[in-house]
Amino acid sequence: MNALPWLDPARVERLTEALARRILVLDGAMGTMLQSYKLDETGYRGARFAEGRDAHAGHAHHGPGCDLKGNNDLLTLTQPDIIRAVHRAYLDAGADLIETNTFNATAISQADYHLEHLVYELNREGARLARACCAEVEAAMPGQPRFAVGVLGPTSRTASISPDVNNPGFRNVSFAELAAAYAEAARGLLDGGADALMIETVFDTLNAKAAVFAIGEEFARRGGRVPVMISGTITDRSGRTLSGQTVEAFYYSLRHARPLAVGLNCALGASELRPYVDALAQVAECHVSVHPNAGLPNAFGEYDETPEQMAATIGEFAASGWVNLVGGCCGTTPAHIRAIAAAVRDVPPRTLPGTGAAAA
């Protein structure tokens, strides 16, 4: 593999070496932290979009008829200091890997705000911000490398299921459209210096396959690859993804991507994920990750599980030999990540089934 400007083989090696030695810690929820800032429309627009258009590019697609409040990915450009503060809070809490603020940074999802023209920039700057935060913390603590994970979210559409109950054969997105959207996002993440890519919150395996295809094409074009992680979501207690797969089927459908890790996140709390993390750990030939919600949402859509409760459950996963990477999703804060990091600190990482060797 040639050392290209976007690829640092030494960092890839440091990541795989760290995984072989100990359980690594992912960060927690970006949205939960951003909500605490209580930003209004003006806050989301920042100076760049204050006049109802992109002051940098002259685009006027998001005029008075299109609010930008709620577009958390945009804050990478309009409120970078806030995103930097969130990254630093998780790093200071003990996270080894932080995820870029790019969950909805695809043309498909940004179309809701008429900001498709920003997708490459959102991903590139999201990766740059995260990587710079990692570098700052590494400089102060050189014995513990930190890694920026470029996030590719599921998009707001599904390739496997019709959105029209009266027309089961209808689809509002194609495989080619998904692949094109993921390719654009991946280019930005790689150019911004992401140490790895994560296809996360996968509710439709066909969407994930489009992302895998797009990433593979981009790697081929560049002549090298960074590690890829894939994290699915079990939508309810049926133990299946929205597109109907069991955890085992989900893994076998995507193992051809040669992922560094496969795991589960979102939708359920840690306790509810217990049997599915166990099932995944029994079949996965790669590392296993889990970053659950802070319990199930209450009547107000909020998450009540305390850091201590969540850490105790994830600590059980670690003691059972099921996991290599742990963290948090919706409702989790730096306090949750600090407690989780403490719970797994002295626990050895999961080993490959039947080998007795650390997954690599």
Protein backbone atom coordinates (compact mmCIF):
# COMPACT_ATOMS: atom_id res chain seq x y z
CA MET A 1 0.00 0.00 0.00
CA ASN A 2 1.47 3.34 -1.04
CA ALA A 3 1.55 6.19 1.44
CA LEU A 4 -0.78 8.78 -0.08
CA PRO A 5 -1.55 12.25 1.31
CA TRP A 6 -4.87 11.01 2.71
CA LEU A 7 -3.51 7.75 4.09
CA ASP A 8 -1.05 7.17 6.93
CA PRO A 9 -0.24 3.44 7.19
CA ALA A 10 1.47 4.05 10.54
CA ARG A 11 -1.82 5.26 12.02
CA VAL A 12 -3.67 2.25 10.64
CA GLU A 13 -1.07 0.03 12.30
CA ARG A 14 -1.42 1.90 15.60
CA LEU A 15 -5.19 1.35 15.51
CA THR A 16 -4.93 -2.38 14.88
CA GLU A 17 -2.22 -2.70 17.55
CA ALA A 18 -4.37 -0.86 20.08
CA LEU A 19 -7.32 -3.14 19.34
CA ALA A 20 -5.14 -6.20 19.93
CA ARG A 21 -4.10 -4.90 23.37
CA ARG A 22 -7.31 -3.61 24.93
CA ILE A 23 -10.96 -2.72 24.53
CA LEU A 24 -11.16 0.66 22.83
CA VAL A 25 -13.74 3.32 23.66
CA LEU A 26 -15.88 5.19 21.15
CA ASP A 27 -17.44 8.54 21.94
CA GLY A 28 -21.09 9.22 22.80
CA ALA A 29 -23.97 11.10 21.23
CA MET A 30 -23.27 14.25 19.25
CA GLY A 31 -26.94 15.29 19.10
CA THR A 32 -27.41 15.03 22.86
CA MET A 33 -24.52 17.38 23.43
CA LEU A 34 -25.60 19.85 20.74
CA GLN A 35 -29.09 20.07 22.22
CA SER A 36 -27.56 21.36 25.43
CA TYR A 37 -26.44 24.50 23.57
CA LYS A 38 -30.10 25.35 22.78
CA LEU A 39 -29.24 26.91 19.42
CA ASP A 40 -31.98 28.72 17.52
CA GLU A 41 -32.26 29.31 13.77
CA THR A 42 -29.72 32.13 13.97
CA GLY A 43 -27.30 29.89 15.80
CA TYR A 44 -27.54 27.17 13.17
CA ARG A 45 -27.08 29.65 10.32
CA GLY A 46 -24.09 31.39 11.84
CA ALA A 47 -22.47 34.24 9.96
CA ARG A 48 -22.12 32.26 6.74
CA PHE A 49 -25.86 31.72 6.21
CA ALA A 50 -27.22 34.72 8.12
CA GLU A 51 -28.51 36.43 4.97
CA GLY A 52 -30.48 33.43 3.74
CA ARG A 53 -27.85 32.22 1.30
CA ASP A 54 -24.39 30.69 1.39
CA ALA A 55 -22.14 33.71 1.66
CA HIS A 56 -19.18 31.60 0.51
CA ALA A 57 -20.74 30.27 -2.66
CA GLY A 58 -23.61 32.57 -3.54
CA HIS A 59 -26.17 29.75 -3.44
CA ALA A 60 -29.70 30.85 -2.60
CA HIS A 61 -31.39 27.45 -2.30
CA HIS A 62 -32.11 27.84 1.41
CA GLY A 63 -33.95 31.13 1.58
CA PRO A 64 -36.66 32.17 4.04
CA GLY A 65 -38.80 29.16 3.14
CA CYS A 66 -36.23 26.67 4.44
CA ASP A 67 -35.19 26.64 8.07
CA LEU A 68 -31.77 25.22 8.91
CA LYS A 69 -32.39 24.62 12.61
CA GLY A 70 -31.87 20.94 13.36
CA ASN A 71 -29.25 20.40 10.66
CA ASN A 72 -26.55 19.36 13.12
CA ASP A 73 -24.06 18.54 10.37
CA LEU A 74 -24.11 22.18 9.24
CA LEU A 75 -22.69 23.25 12.60
CA THR A 76 -19.31 21.92 11.48
CA LEU A 77 -19.19 24.98 9.20
CA THR A 78 -21.22 27.52 11.17
CA GLN A 79 -20.25 26.66 14.78
CA PRO A 80 -16.95 24.76 14.57
CA ASP A 81 -15.98 25.77 18.10
CA ILE A 82 -19.02 23.93 19.47
CA ILE A 83 -18.21 20.77 17.51
CA ARG A 84 -14.61 21.02 18.66
CA ALA A 85 -15.78 21.36 22.28
CA VAL A 86 -17.95 18.23 21.98
CA HIS A 87 -15.07 16.23 20.51
CA ARG A 88 -12.73 17.41 23.25
CA ALA A 89 -15.26 16.57 25.98
CA TYR A 90 -15.43 12.97 24.79
CA LEU A 91 -11.68 12.71 24.35
CA ASP A 92 -11.13 14.09 27.84
CA ALA A 93 -13.62 11.50 29.12
CA GLY A 94 -11.40 8.73 27.78
CA ALA A 95 -12.63 8.07 24.23
CA ASP A 96 -10.04 6.49 21.97
CA LEU A 97 -12.10 7.12 18.85
CA ILE A 98 -14.34 10.09 18.06
CA GLU A 99 -16.89 10.11 15.27
CA THR A 100 -17.13 12.94 12.77
CA ASN A 101 -20.20 15.18 12.83
CA THR A 102 -21.36 13.83 9.46
CA PHE A 103 -24.25 11.47 10.26
CA ASN A 104 -26.55 13.20 7.75
CA ALA A 105 -23.88 14.64 5.48
CA THR A 106 -25.04 12.99 2.25
CA ALA A 107 -26.80 14.60 -0.68
CA ILE A 108 -29.89 12.51 0.08
CA SER A 109 -30.22 13.74 3.65
CA GLN A 110 -29.03 17.31 3.00
CA ALA A 111 -31.68 17.64 0.27
CA ASP A 112 -34.14 18.28 3.11
CA TYR A 113 -32.34 21.60 3.61
CA HIS A 114 -31.45 22.23 -0.05
CA LEU A 115 -27.76 22.05 0.91
CA GLU A 116 -26.60 19.24 -1.37
CA HIS A 117 -23.83 21.50 -2.66
CA LEU A 118 -22.16 21.39 0.78
CA VAL A 119 -21.80 17.62 1.13
CA TYR A 120 -18.14 17.27 0.20
CA GLU A 121 -17.19 20.27 2.36
CA LEU A 122 -19.23 19.04 5.33
CA ASN A 123 -17.44 15.70 5.28
CA ARG A 124 -13.96 17.09 4.63
CA GLU A 125 -14.22 19.71 7.38
CA GLY A 126 -15.89 17.26 9.75
CA ALA A 127 -12.94 14.92 9.39
CA ARG A 128 -10.40 17.73 9.69
CA LEU A 129 -11.99 18.97 12.91
CA ALA A 130 -12.05 15.54 14.50
CA ARG A 131 -8.51 14.70 13.38
CA ALA A 132 -7.19 18.01 14.73
CA CYS A 133 -8.81 17.35 18.11
CA CYS A 134 -7.23 13.90 18.21
CA ALA A 135 -3.83 15.38 17.39
CA GLU A 136 -4.13 17.93 20.21
CA VAL A 137 -4.95 15.28 22.80
CA GLU A 138 -2.31 12.89 21.50
CA ALA A 139 0.31 15.60 21.86
CA ALA A 140 -0.54 15.89 25.54
CA MET A 141 -0.89 12.11 26.05
CA PRO A 142 1.37 10.44 23.47
CA GLY A 143 0.99 7.02 25.05
CA GLN A 144 -2.69 6.80 24.09
CA PRO A 145 -3.34 7.30 20.37
CA ARG A 146 -6.71 8.81 19.40
CA PHE A 147 -8.50 8.21 16.10
CA ALA A 148 -11.01 10.12 13.99
CA VAL A 149 -13.73 7.88 12.54
CA GLY A 150 -15.49 9.19 9.45
CA VAL A 151 -19.22 8.51 9.83
CA LEU A 152 -21.49 7.52 6.96
CA GLY A 153 -25.07 7.50 8.26
CA PRO A 154 -27.97 5.47 6.87
CA THR A 155 -29.58 8.38 4.92
CA SER A 156 -33.28 9.20 5.22
CA ARG A 157 -34.34 6.61 2.63
CA THR A 158 -34.40 2.83 2.33
CA ALA A 159 -33.65 0.80 -0.76
CA SER A 160 -35.38 -2.37 0.47
CA ILE A 161 -38.77 -1.12 1.64
CA SER A 162 -41.50 0.85 -0.09
CA PRO A 163 -42.55 4.09 1.64
CA ASP A 164 -46.01 3.59 0.09
CA VAL A 165 -48.06 0.84 1.76
CA ASN A 166 -50.34 0.77 -1.28
CA ASN A 167 -47.46 0.11 -3.68
CA PRO A 168 -45.04 -2.47 -2.21
CA GLY A 169 -42.84 -2.42 -5.31
CA PHE A 170 -42.19 1.33 -5.18
CA ARG A 171 -38.80 2.66 -4.06
CA ASN A 172 -37.90 6.32 -3.54
CA VAL A 173 -34.16 5.70 -3.94
CA SER A 174 -32.03 3.41 -6.06
CA PHE A 175 -28.83 1.53 -5.29
CA ALA A 176 -26.98 3.76 -7.78
CA GLU A 177 -28.27 6.94 -6.11
CA LEU A 178 -27.21 5.70 -2.69
CA ALA A 179 -23.78 4.68 -3.96
CA ALA A 180 -23.24 8.09 -5.57
CA ALA A 181 -24.24 9.84 -2.34
CA TYR A 182 -21.94 7.69 -0.23
CA ALA A 183 -19.05 8.11 -2.67
CA GLU A 184 -19.22 11.90 -2.42
CA ALA A 185 -19.31 11.76 1.38
CA ALA A 186 -16.46 9.24 1.55
CA ARG A 187 -14.26 11.42 -0.66
CA GLY A 188 -14.66 14.30 1.76
CA LEU A 189 -13.99 12.17 4.82
CA LEU A 190 -10.85 10.67 3.32
CA ASP A 191 -9.55 14.02 2.09
CA GLY A 192 -10.17 15.43 5.56
CA GLY A 193 -7.94 12.80 7.14
CA ALA A 194 -10.34 10.29 8.71
CA ASP A 195 -8.38 7.38 10.19
CA ALA A 196 -11.23 4.95 9.49
CA LEU A 197 -14.74 4.97 8.05
CA MET A 198 -17.85 3.74 9.85
CA ILE A 199 -21.09 2.84 8.08
CA GLU A 200 -23.37 3.15 11.08
CA THR A 201 -26.96 2.81 12.29
CA VAL A 202 -27.64 0.44 9.40
CA PHE A 203 -31.35 -0.41 9.33
CA ASP A 204 -31.32 -1.57 5.70
CA THR A 205 -28.50 -3.86 4.59
CA LEU A 206 -28.98 -2.85 0.96
CA ASN A 207 -28.17 0.73 1.91
CA ALA A 208 -25.03 -0.56 3.63
CA LYS A 209 -24.09 -2.57 0.56
CA ALA A 210 -24.32 0.62 -1.50
CA ALA A 211 -21.96 2.31 0.96
CA VAL A 212 -19.56 -0.65 0.87
CA PHE A 213 -19.60 -0.56 -2.94
CA ALA A 214 -18.98 3.19 -3.05
CA ILE A 215 -16.13 3.00 -0.54
CA GLY A 216 -14.57 0.12 -2.43
CA GLU A 217 -14.65 2.05 -5.68
CA GLU A 218 -13.05 5.05 -3.98
CA PHE A 219 -10.33 2.90 -2.43
CA ALA A 220 -9.61 1.36 -5.84
CA ARG A 221 -9.39 4.82 -7.39
CA ARG A 222 -6.93 5.96 -4.72
CA GLY A 223 -4.89 2.78 -4.61
CA GLY A 224 -5.21 2.17 -0.88
CA ARG A 225 -7.73 1.80 1.94
CA VAL A 226 -8.37 2.81 5.52
CA PRO A 227 -10.14 0.46 7.96
CA VAL A 228 -13.91 0.19 7.58
CA MET A 229 -16.35 -0.44 10.42
CA ILE A 230 -20.01 -1.37 10.05
CA SER A 231 -22.63 -0.95 12.76
CA GLY A 232 -26.23 -2.09 12.41
CA THR A 233 -29.31 -1.25 14.40
CA ILE A 234 -31.89 -3.65 15.79
CA THR A 235 -35.15 -1.75 15.51
CA ASP A 236 -37.14 -3.56 18.25
CA ARG A 237 -37.20 -6.63 20.45
CA SER A 238 -37.78 -8.88 17.45
CA GLY A 239 -33.99 -8.86 17.14
CA ARG A 240 -34.07 -7.86 13.48
CA THR A 241 -33.08 -4.88 11.40
CA LEU A 242 -35.84 -2.86 9.73
CA SER A 243 -35.18 -4.76 6.50
CA GLY A 244 -35.80 -8.03 8.35
CA GLN A 245 -32.39 -9.56 9.03
CA THR A 246 -31.19 -11.25 12.17
CA VAL A 247 -27.84 -10.18 13.58
CA GLU A 248 -26.14 -13.23 12.12
CA ALA A 249 -27.63 -12.64 8.65
CA PHE A 250 -26.59 -8.98 8.84
CA TYR A 251 -23.00 -9.98 9.52
CA TYR A 252 -22.81 -12.62 6.81
CA SER A 253 -24.32 -10.21 4.28
CA LEU A 254 -21.48 -7.75 4.83
CA ARG A 255 -18.44 -9.82 5.77
CA HIS A 256 -17.18 -9.53 2.16
CA ALA A 257 -16.35 -5.90 2.93
CA ARG A 258 -13.47 -7.10 5.13
CA PRO A 259 -14.53 -4.83 8.00
CA LEU A 260 -12.20 -4.05 10.85
CA ALA A 261 -15.25 -4.27 13.12
CA VAL A 262 -18.93 -5.11 12.94
CA GLY A 263 -21.30 -4.06 15.67
CA LEU A 264 -24.62 -2.71 16.88
CA ASN A 265 -25.75 0.75 17.89
CA CYS A 266 -28.83 2.89 18.51
CA ALA A 267 -32.53 1.92 18.78
CA LEU A 268 -32.14 -0.10 22.01
CA GLY A 269 -30.37 0.33 25.31
CA ALA A 270 -27.47 -1.83 26.40
CA SER A 271 -29.60 -4.31 28.37
CA GLU A 272 -31.93 -4.89 25.42
CA LEU A 273 -28.96 -5.44 23.11
CA ARG A 274 -27.41 -8.14 25.33
CA PRO A 275 -28.59 -11.25 23.39
CA TYR A 276 -27.74 -9.70 20.03
CA VAL A 277 -24.22 -8.66 21.02
CA ASP A 278 -23.72 -12.22 22.27
CA ALA A 279 -24.99 -13.66 18.96
CA LEU A 280 -22.74 -11.38 16.93
CA ALA A 281 -19.71 -12.23 19.05
CA GLN A 282 -20.23 -15.93 18.31
CA VAL A 283 -20.04 -15.53 14.50
CA ALA A 284 -17.93 -12.45 13.76
CA GLU A 285 -14.45 -13.12 12.40
CA CYS A 286 -13.51 -9.48 13.00
CA HIS A 287 -13.72 -7.13 15.97
CA VAL A 288 -17.12 -6.53 17.57
CA SER A 289 -18.36 -3.08 18.58
CA VAL A 290 -21.38 -1.84 20.51
CA HIS A 291 -22.54 1.68 21.26
CA PRO A 292 -26.12 1.56 22.58
CA ASN A 293 -28.54 4.29 23.56
CA ALA A 294 -28.78 5.33 27.20
CA GLY A 295 -31.73 3.00 27.67
CA LEU A 296 -35.06 3.13 25.87
CA PRO A 297 -36.66 6.56 25.31
CA ASN A 298 -39.24 7.66 27.86
CA ALA A 299 -42.63 9.25 27.11
CA PHE A 300 -40.88 12.52 26.27
CA GLY A 301 -38.35 10.93 23.92
CA GLU A 302 -35.54 11.36 26.44
CA TYR A 303 -33.09 8.79 27.76
CA ASP A 304 -32.88 8.06 31.48
CA GLU A 305 -30.21 5.40 31.92
CA THR A 306 -27.43 6.71 34.14
CA PRO A 307 -23.73 6.40 33.36
CA GLU A 308 -23.38 3.87 36.17
CA GLN A 309 -26.22 1.68 34.89
CA MET A 310 -24.99 1.71 31.33
CA ALA A 311 -21.38 1.10 32.31
CA ALA A 312 -22.38 -1.88 34.46
CA THR A 313 -24.13 -3.57 31.53
CA ILE A 314 -21.36 -2.87 29.03
CA GLY A 315 -18.87 -4.04 31.62
CA GLU A 316 -20.74 -7.36 31.64
CA PHE A 317 -20.38 -7.55 27.86
CA ALA A 318 -16.65 -7.04 28.25
CA ALA A 319 -16.33 -9.61 31.03
CA SER A 320 -18.21 -12.10 28.84
CA GLY A 321 -15.58 -11.68 26.12
CA TRP A 322 -17.98 -10.26 23.56
CA VAL A 323 -16.56 -6.85 22.61
CA ASN A 324 -13.55 -4.98 21.27
CA LEU A 325 -14.98 -1.46 20.97
CA VAL A 326 -17.62 0.13 23.21
CA GLY A 327 -19.27 3.53 23.41
CA GLY A 328 -22.62 5.27 23.43
CA CYS A 329 -25.34 6.46 21.08
CA CYS A 330 -28.50 8.53 21.71
CA GLY A 331 -28.71 10.10 25.16
CA THR A 332 -25.12 9.38 26.15
CA THR A 333 -22.81 12.09 27.43
CA PRO A 334 -19.14 12.41 28.40
CA ALA A 335 -20.16 11.17 31.86
CA HIS A 336 -21.47 7.94 30.27
CA ILE A 337 -18.28 7.50 28.26
CA ARG A 338 -16.09 8.12 31.30
CA ALA A 339 -17.98 5.45 33.24
CA ILE A 340 -17.87 2.98 30.34
CA ALA A 341 -14.13 3.55 29.87
CA ALA A 342 -13.55 2.82 33.55
CA ALA A 343 -15.69 -0.33 33.39
CA VAL A 344 -13.66 -1.91 30.58
CA ARG A 345 -10.21 -0.52 31.40
CA ASP A 346 -8.75 -3.71 32.86
CA VAL A 347 -10.77 -6.22 30.83
CA PRO A 348 -9.04 -8.00 27.91
CA PRO A 349 -10.57 -7.59 24.45
CA ARG A 350 -12.68 -10.24 22.76
CA THR A 351 -10.78 -13.03 21.05
CA LEU A 352 -11.58 -14.65 17.74
CA PRO A 353 -13.87 -17.68 18.23
CA GLY A 354 -11.90 -20.89 18.59
CA THR A 355 -8.44 -19.33 18.26
CA GLY A 356 -7.60 -17.85 21.64
CA ALA A 357 -5.98 -14.94 19.80
CA ALA A 358 -7.05 -11.30 19.90
CA ALA A 359 -9.09 -10.29 16.86
CA ALA A 360 -6.93 -8.48 14.33
